[in-house]
Protein backbone atom coordinates (compact mmCIF):
# COMPACT_ATOMS: atom_id res chain seq x y z
CA MET A 1 47.39 118.89 41.43
CA TYR A 2 44.37 116.35 42.04
CA THR A 3 43.33 115.84 45.52
CA ILE A 4 41.25 113.36 47.22
CA GLU A 5 38.43 115.83 47.80
CA MET A 6 38.46 116.49 43.95
CA ALA A 7 38.30 112.67 43.20
CA TYR A 8 35.56 112.16 45.84
CA ALA A 9 33.30 115.15 44.12
CA ARG A 10 33.87 113.52 40.69
CA MET A 11 32.82 110.06 42.12
CA ARG A 12 29.69 111.89 43.54
CA GLU A 13 28.96 113.50 40.29
CA LEU A 14 29.08 110.30 38.41
CA GLN A 15 26.97 108.43 41.04
CA GLU A 16 24.36 111.12 40.69
CA LEU A 17 24.45 110.70 36.95
CA ALA A 18 24.00 106.99 37.18
CA ASN A 19 21.05 107.41 39.44
CA ARG A 20 19.55 109.88 37.27
CA SER A 21 19.94 107.63 34.14
CA ARG A 22 18.63 104.60 36.14
CA ALA A 23 15.57 106.55 37.07
CA HIS A 24 14.70 107.30 33.50
CA GLN A 25 14.78 103.68 32.58
CA SER A 26 11.28 102.12 32.06
CA THR A 27 10.66 100.32 35.43
CA PRO A 28 7.76 98.28 34.18
CA SER A 29 9.63 96.20 31.84
CA ARG A 30 12.21 95.51 34.62
CA THR A 31 9.70 94.43 37.21
CA ALA A 32 7.81 92.37 34.53
CA ARG A 33 11.17 90.49 33.80
CA ALA A 34 11.49 90.11 37.53
CA ALA A 35 7.89 88.60 37.94
CA LYS A 36 8.58 86.11 35.10
CA ARG A 37 12.08 85.16 36.71
CA ARG A 38 10.08 84.51 39.87
CA ALA A 39 7.42 82.39 38.15
CA ALA A 40 9.88 80.42 36.34
CA VAL A 41 11.67 79.52 39.62
CA LYS A 42 8.49 78.53 41.31
CA LYS A 43 7.65 76.04 38.46
CA GLY A 44 11.04 74.49 38.40
């Protein structure tokens, strides 16, 4: 039997995994892209 508690626990596991994989991505490239986007918006 699959309970709400089991589903919630699995959801939390997946969320932690997603947060861990997001933390391992290179943040400098993401912030550089954001800075370029902001600069492009200011020019336009």
